[in-house]
Amino acid sequence: MLKSPQPDQVKVTRQALGFTQKESADMVHYSLRAWQLWEAGDRTMPAGVWELFLIKIGLHPIYGARS
């Protein structure tokens, strides 16, 4: 089970794949504002949301290895 990510981990992962904050928020069914708060460190991203994001981008350590 993954833990909630650090804010910089959220931002670096998103930017490395070329996604906007809005695109990333839409992927996990949250608002743009929620994503902004997670990246700013004003709120903690729930671990389940982080896992969903990693699955959808193909980087989850168990369910989404990129080939």
PDB file of N, CA and C in Angstrom:
ATOM      1  N   MET A   1       0.845  -1.183   0.000  1.00  0.00           N
ATOM      2  CA  MET A   1       0.000   0.000   0.000  1.00  0.00           C
ATOM      3  C   MET A   1       0.889   1.244   0.000  1.00  0.00           C
ATOM      4  N   LEU A   2       0.551   2.165  -0.871  1.00  0.00           N
ATOM      5  CA  LEU A   2       1.321   3.403  -0.963  1.00  0.00           C
ATOM      6  C   LEU A   2       0.860   4.409   0.075  1.00  0.00           C
ATOM      7  N   LYS A   3       1.761   5.300   0.416  1.00  0.00           N
ATOM      8  CA  LYS A   3       1.434   6.395   1.335  1.00  0.00           C
ATOM      9  C   LYS A   3       1.130   7.644   0.521  1.00  0.00           C
ATOM     10  N   SER A   4       0.549   8.621   1.174  1.00  0.00           N
ATOM     11  CA  SER A   4       0.303   9.904   0.520  1.00  0.00           C
ATOM     12  C   SER A   4       1.636  10.497   0.068  1.00  0.00           C
ATOM     13  N   PRO A   5       1.662  11.088  -1.115  1.00  0.00           N
ATOM     14  CA  PRO A   5       2.912  11.635  -1.642  1.00  0.00           C
ATOM     15  C   PRO A   5       3.253  12.997  -1.055  1.00  0.00           C
ATOM     16  N   GLN A   6       4.503  13.362  -1.164  1.00  0.00           N
ATOM     17  CA  GLN A   6       4.941  14.710  -0.811  1.00  0.00           C
ATOM     18  C   GLN A   6       4.523  15.650  -1.948  1.00  0.00           C
ATOM     19  N   PRO A   7       4.268  16.914  -1.640  1.00  0.00           N
ATOM     20  CA  PRO A   7       3.833  17.861  -2.677  1.00  0.00           C
ATOM     21  C   PRO A   7       4.768  17.927  -3.885  1.00  0.00           C
ATOM     22  N   ASP A   8       6.071  17.922  -3.649  1.00  0.00           N
ATOM     23  CA  ASP A   8       7.006  18.000  -4.777  1.00  0.00           C
ATOM     24  C   ASP A   8       6.975  16.741  -5.631  1.00  0.00           C
ATOM     25  N   GLN A   9       6.655  15.609  -5.027  1.00  0.00           N
ATOM     26  CA  GLN A   9       6.534  14.354  -5.769  1.00  0.00           C
ATOM     27  C   GLN A   9       5.349  14.432  -6.733  1.00  0.00           C
ATOM     28  N   VAL A  10       4.258  15.028  -6.281  1.00  0.00           N
ATOM     29  CA  VAL A  10       3.070  15.191  -7.124  1.00  0.00           C
ATOM     30  C   VAL A  10       3.422  16.076  -8.322  1.00  0.00           C
ATOM     31  N   LYS A  11       4.033  17.204  -8.043  1.00  0.00           N
ATOM     32  CA  LYS A  11       4.347  18.178  -9.095  1.00  0.00           C
ATOM     33  C   LYS A  11       5.367  17.636 -10.095  1.00  0.00           C
ATOM     34  N   VAL A  12       6.445  17.052  -9.595  1.00  0.00           N
ATOM     35  CA  VAL A  12       7.498  16.535 -10.472  1.00  0.00           C
ATOM     36  C   VAL A  12       6.960  15.423 -11.369  1.00  0.00           C
ATOM     37  N   THR A  13       6.158  14.528 -10.813  1.00  0.00           N
ATOM     38  CA  THR A  13       5.591  13.440 -11.604  1.00  0.00           C
ATOM     39  C   THR A  13       4.701  13.989 -12.710  1.00  0.00           C
ATOM     40  N   ARG A  14       3.829  14.910 -12.359  1.00  0.00           N
ATOM     41  CA  ARG A  14       2.925  15.509 -13.350  1.00  0.00           C
ATOM     42  C   ARG A  14       3.711  16.209 -14.453  1.00  0.00           C
ATOM     43  N   GLN A  15       4.651  17.046 -14.065  1.00  0.00           N
ATOM     44  CA  GLN A  15       5.423  17.810 -15.045  1.00  0.00           C
ATOM     45  C   GLN A  15       6.272  16.910 -15.946  1.00  0.00           C
ATOM     46  N   ALA A  16       6.835  15.854 -15.383  1.00  0.00           N
ATOM     47  CA  ALA A  16       7.674  14.943 -16.167  1.00  0.00           C
ATOM     48  C   ALA A  16       6.892  14.294 -17.302  1.00  0.00           C
ATOM     49  N   LEU A  17       5.597  14.120 -17.094  1.00  0.00           N
ATOM     50  CA  LEU A  17       4.760  13.497 -18.117  1.00  0.00           C
ATOM     51  C   LEU A  17       4.057  14.515 -19.003  1.00  0.00           C
ATOM     52  N   GLY A  18       4.248  15.789 -18.705  1.00  0.00           N
ATOM     53  CA  GLY A  18       3.689  16.832 -19.552  1.00  0.00           C
ATOM     54  C   GLY A  18       2.219  17.129 -19.355  1.00  0.00           C
ATOM     55  N   PHE A  19       1.671  16.756 -18.204  1.00  0.00           N
ATOM     56  CA  PHE A  19       0.265  17.028 -17.923  1.00  0.00           C
ATOM     57  C   PHE A  19       0.106  18.377 -17.235  1.00  0.00           C
ATOM     58  N   THR A  20      -1.004  19.046 -17.518  1.00  0.00           N
ATOM     59  CA  THR A  20      -1.344  20.257 -16.779  1.00  0.00           C
ATOM     60  C   THR A  20      -1.967  19.843 -15.452  1.00  0.00           C
ATOM     61  N   GLN A  21      -2.082  20.803 -14.551  1.00  0.00           N
ATOM     62  CA  GLN A  21      -2.768  20.523 -13.289  1.00  0.00           C
ATOM     63  C   GLN A  21      -4.217  20.127 -13.560  1.00  0.00           C
ATOM     64  N   LYS A  22      -4.870  20.795 -14.492  1.00  0.00           N
ATOM     65  CA  LYS A  22      -6.279  20.505 -14.813  1.00  0.00           C
ATOM     66  C   LYS A  22      -6.432  19.096 -15.369  1.00  0.00           C
ATOM     67  N   GLU A  23      -5.551  18.709 -16.280  1.00  0.00           N
ATOM     68  CA  GLU A  23      -5.610  17.354 -16.842  1.00  0.00           C
ATOM     69  C   GLU A  23      -5.423  16.306 -15.749  1.00  0.00           C
ATOM     70  N   SER A  24      -4.495  16.555 -14.860  1.00  0.00           N
ATOM     71  CA  SER A  24      -4.227  15.609 -13.775  1.00  0.00           C
ATOM     72  C   SER A  24      -5.412  15.518 -12.824  1.00  0.00           C
ATOM     73  N   ALA A  25      -5.977  16.658 -12.472  1.00  0.00           N
ATOM     74  CA  ALA A  25      -7.145  16.680 -11.586  1.00  0.00           C
ATOM     75  C   ALA A  25      -8.311  15.927 -12.216  1.00  0.00           C
ATOM     76  N   ASP A  26      -8.531  16.147 -13.495  1.00  0.00           N
ATOM     77  CA  ASP A  26      -9.617  15.455 -14.196  1.00  0.00           C
ATOM     78  C   ASP A  26      -9.419  13.944 -14.185  1.00  0.00           C
ATOM     79  N   MET A  27      -8.180  13.488 -14.303  1.00  0.00           N
ATOM     80  CA  MET A  27      -7.890  12.050 -14.304  1.00  0.00           C
ATOM     81  C   MET A  27      -8.347  11.369 -13.026  1.00  0.00           C
ATOM     82  N   VAL A  28      -8.256  12.088 -11.910  1.00  0.00           N
ATOM     83  CA  VAL A  28      -8.605  11.488 -10.621  1.00  0.00           C
ATOM     84  C   VAL A  28      -9.941  12.003 -10.083  1.00  0.00           C
ATOM     85  N   HIS A  29     -10.679  12.706 -10.940  1.00  0.00           N
ATOM     86  CA  HIS A  29     -12.036  13.169 -10.611  1.00  0.00           C
ATOM     87  C   HIS A  29     -12.081  14.142  -9.435  1.00  0.00           C
ATOM     88  N   TYR A  30     -11.090  15.041  -9.409  1.00  0.00           N
ATOM     89  CA  TYR A  30     -11.053  16.105  -8.406  1.00  0.00           C
ATOM     90  C   TYR A  30     -10.984  17.444  -9.113  1.00  0.00           C
ATOM     91  N   SER A  31     -11.198  18.501  -8.350  1.00  0.00           N
ATOM     92  CA  SER A  31     -11.161  19.850  -8.922  1.00  0.00           C
ATOM     93  C   SER A  31      -9.720  20.314  -9.138  1.00  0.00           C
ATOM     94  N   LEU A  32      -9.584  21.276 -10.025  1.00  0.00           N
ATOM     95  CA  LEU A  32      -8.285  21.905 -10.242  1.00  0.00           C
ATOM     96  C   LEU A  32      -7.761  22.485  -8.935  1.00  0.00           C
ATOM     97  N   ARG A  33      -8.641  23.117  -8.175  1.00  0.00           N
ATOM     98  CA  ARG A  33      -8.226  23.735  -6.907  1.00  0.00           C
ATOM     99  C   ARG A  33      -7.657  22.699  -5.942  1.00  0.00           C
ATOM    100  N   ALA A  34      -8.276  21.525  -5.868  1.00  0.00           N
ATOM    101  CA  ALA A  34      -7.755  20.465  -4.998  1.00  0.00           C
ATOM    102  C   ALA A  34      -6.338  20.089  -5.424  1.00  0.00           C
ATOM    103  N   TRP A  35      -6.137  19.948  -6.734  1.00  0.00           N
ATOM    104  CA  TRP A  35      -4.800  19.588  -7.227  1.00  0.00           C
ATOM    105  C   TRP A  35      -3.785  20.663  -6.865  1.00  0.00           C
ATOM    106  N   GLN A  36      -4.182  21.911  -7.042  1.00  0.00           N
ATOM    107  CA  GLN A  36      -3.290  23.023  -6.707  1.00  0.00           C
ATOM    108  C   GLN A  36      -2.906  23.002  -5.229  1.00  0.00           C
ATOM    109  N   LEU A  37      -3.865  22.707  -4.371  1.00  0.00           N
ATOM    110  CA  LEU A  37      -3.593  22.641  -2.931  1.00  0.00           C
ATOM    111  C   LEU A  37      -2.648  21.492  -2.600  1.00  0.00           C
ATOM    112  N   TRP A  38      -2.790  20.366  -3.282  1.00  0.00           N
ATOM    113  CA  TRP A  38      -1.893  19.233  -3.057  1.00  0.00           C
ATOM    114  C   TRP A  38      -0.467  19.584  -3.452  1.00  0.00           C
ATOM    115  N   GLU A  39      -0.315  20.210  -4.616  1.00  0.00           N
ATOM    116  CA  GLU A  39       1.027  20.567  -5.074  1.00  0.00           C
ATOM    117  C   GLU A  39       1.660  21.653  -4.206  1.00  0.00           C
ATOM    118  N   ALA A  40       0.846  22.533  -3.669  1.00  0.00           N
ATOM    119  CA  ALA A  40       1.356  23.618  -2.825  1.00  0.00           C
ATOM    120  C   ALA A  40       1.680  23.138  -1.412  1.00  0.00           C
ATOM    121  N   GLY A  41       1.217  21.954  -1.057  1.00  0.00           N
ATOM    122  CA  GLY A  41       1.444  21.446   0.287  1.00  0.00           C
ATOM    123  C   GLY A  41       0.444  21.962   1.305  1.00  0.00           C
ATOM    124  N   ASP A  42      -0.622  22.597   0.823  1.00  0.00           N
ATOM    125  CA  ASP A  42      -1.652  23.112   1.730  1.00  0.00           C
ATOM    126  C   ASP A  42      -2.635  22.028   2.161  1.00  0.00           C
ATOM    127  N   ARG A  43      -2.690  20.953   1.400  1.00  0.00           N
ATOM    128  CA  ARG A  43      -3.514  19.792   1.727  1.00  0.00           C
ATOM    129  C   ARG A  43      -2.715  18.551   1.360  1.00  0.00           C
ATOM    130  N   THR A  44      -3.000  17.455   2.042  1.00  0.00           N
ATOM    131  CA  THR A  44      -2.347  16.183   1.736  1.00  0.00           C
ATOM    132  C   THR A  44      -3.196  15.413   0.740  1.00  0.00           C
ATOM    133  N   MET A  45      -2.568  14.973  -0.338  1.00  0.00           N
ATOM    134  CA  MET A  45      -3.292  14.154  -1.312  1.00  0.00           C
ATOM    135  C   MET A  45      -3.584  12.800  -0.673  1.00  0.00           C
ATOM    136  N   PRO A  46      -4.839  12.348  -0.701  1.00  0.00           N
ATOM    137  CA  PRO A  46      -5.148  11.024  -0.161  1.00  0.00           C
ATOM    138  C   PRO A  46      -4.363   9.934  -0.908  1.00  0.00           C
ATOM    139  N   ALA A  47      -3.931   8.938  -0.178  1.00  0.00           N
ATOM    140  CA  ALA A  47      -3.137   7.860  -0.774  1.00  0.00           C
ATOM    141  C   ALA A  47      -3.883   7.184  -1.919  1.00  0.00           C
ATOM    142  N   GLY A  48      -5.182   7.010  -1.780  1.00  0.00           N
ATOM    143  CA  GLY A  48      -5.970   6.374  -2.836  1.00  0.00           C
ATOM    144  C   GLY A  48      -6.000   7.184  -4.115  1.00  0.00           C
ATOM    145  N   VAL A  49      -6.011   8.493  -3.990  1.00  0.00           N
ATOM    146  CA  VAL A  49      -5.983   9.370  -5.164  1.00  0.00           C
ATOM    147  C   VAL A  49      -4.619   9.257  -5.848  1.00  0.00           C
ATOM    148  N   TRP A  50      -3.565   9.242  -5.069  1.00  0.00           N
ATOM    149  CA  TRP A  50      -2.218   9.076  -5.615  1.00  0.00           C
ATOM    150  C   TRP A  50      -2.103   7.747  -6.353  1.00  0.00           C
ATOM    151  N   GLU A  51      -2.634   6.681  -5.750  1.00  0.00           N
ATOM    152  CA  GLU A  51      -2.600   5.376  -6.408  1.00  0.00           C
ATOM    153  C   GLU A  51      -3.366   5.401  -7.723  1.00  0.00           C
ATOM    154  N   LEU A  52      -4.548   6.016  -7.730  1.00  0.00           N
ATOM    155  CA  LEU A  52      -5.334   6.112  -8.959  1.00  0.00           C
ATOM    156  C   LEU A  52      -4.560   6.866 -10.031  1.00  0.00           C
ATOM    157  N   PHE A  53      -3.949   7.972  -9.663  1.00  0.00           N
ATOM    158  CA  PHE A  53      -3.157   8.746 -10.617  1.00  0.00           C
ATOM    159  C   PHE A  53      -2.028   7.891 -11.191  1.00  0.00           C
ATOM    160  N   LEU A  54      -1.304   7.190 -10.326  1.00  0.00           N
ATOM    161  CA  LEU A  54      -0.197   6.350 -10.789  1.00  0.00           C
ATOM    162  C   LEU A  54      -0.678   5.229 -11.701  1.00  0.00           C
ATOM    163  N   ILE A  55      -1.820   4.647 -11.405  1.00  0.00           N
ATOM    164  CA  ILE A  55      -2.381   3.603 -12.266  1.00  0.00           C
ATOM    165  C   ILE A  55      -2.709   4.182 -13.636  1.00  0.00           C
ATOM    166  N   LYS A  56      -3.372   5.330 -13.644  1.00  0.00           N
ATOM    167  CA  LYS A  56      -3.798   5.924 -14.912  1.00  0.00           C
ATOM    168  C   LYS A  56      -2.626   6.379 -15.781  1.00  0.00           C
ATOM    169  N   ILE A  57      -1.524   6.769 -15.164  1.00  0.00           N
ATOM    170  CA  ILE A  57      -0.363   7.196 -15.957  1.00  0.00           C
ATOM    171  C   ILE A  57       0.615   6.044 -16.199  1.00  0.00           C
ATOM    172  N   GLY A  58       0.286   4.869 -15.688  1.00  0.00           N
ATOM    173  CA  GLY A  58       1.099   3.688 -15.936  1.00  0.00           C
ATOM    174  C   GLY A  58       2.345   3.573 -15.083  1.00  0.00           C
ATOM    175  N   LEU A  59       2.354   4.228 -13.928  1.00  0.00           N
ATOM    176  CA  LEU A  59       3.544   4.199 -13.073  1.00  0.00           C
ATOM    177  C   LEU A  59       3.326   3.568 -11.702  1.00  0.00           C
ATOM    178  N   HIS A  60       2.181   2.950 -11.487  1.00  0.00           N
ATOM    179  CA  HIS A  60       1.947   2.294 -10.196  1.00  0.00           C
ATOM    180  C   HIS A  60       2.917   1.117 -10.075  1.00  0.00           C
ATOM    181  N   PRO A  61       3.562   0.953  -8.920  1.00  0.00           N
ATOM    182  CA  PRO A  61       4.576  -0.095  -8.786  1.00  0.00           C
ATOM    183  C   PRO A  61       4.045  -1.521  -8.955  1.00  0.00           C
ATOM    184  N   ILE A  62       2.751  -1.731  -8.775  1.00  0.00           N
ATOM    185  CA  ILE A  62       2.187  -3.073  -8.927  1.00  0.00           C
ATOM    186  C   ILE A  62       1.282  -3.169 -10.152  1.00  0.00           C
ATOM    187  N   TYR A  63       0.403  -2.194 -10.325  1.00  0.00           N
ATOM    188  CA  TYR A  63      -0.656  -2.298 -11.326  1.00  0.00           C
ATOM    189  C   TYR A  63      -0.423  -1.533 -12.621  1.00  0.00           C
ATOM    190  N   GLY A  64       0.641  -0.798 -12.719  1.00  0.00           N
ATOM    191  CA  GLY A  64       0.731   0.027 -13.910  1.00  0.00           C
ATOM    192  C   GLY A  64       2.114   0.232 -14.459  1.00  0.00           C
ATOM    193  N   ALA A  65       2.927  -0.780 -14.487  1.00  0.00           N
ATOM    194  CA  ALA A  65       4.287  -0.595 -14.997  1.00  0.00           C
ATOM    195  C   ALA A  65       4.257  -0.214 -16.470  1.00  0.00           C
ATOM    196  N   ARG A  66       4.928   0.879 -16.786  1.00  0.00           N
ATOM    197  CA  ARG A  66       5.046   1.311 -18.193  1.00  0.00           C
ATOM    198  C   ARG A  66       6.026   0.395 -18.906  1.00  0.00           C
ATOM    199  N   SER A  67       5.675   0.101 -20.133  1.00  0.00           N
ATOM    200  CA  SER A  67       6.596  -0.737 -20.922  1.00  0.00           C
ATOM    201  C   SER A  67       7.400   0.107 -21.874  1.00  0.00           C
TER     202      SER A  67
END
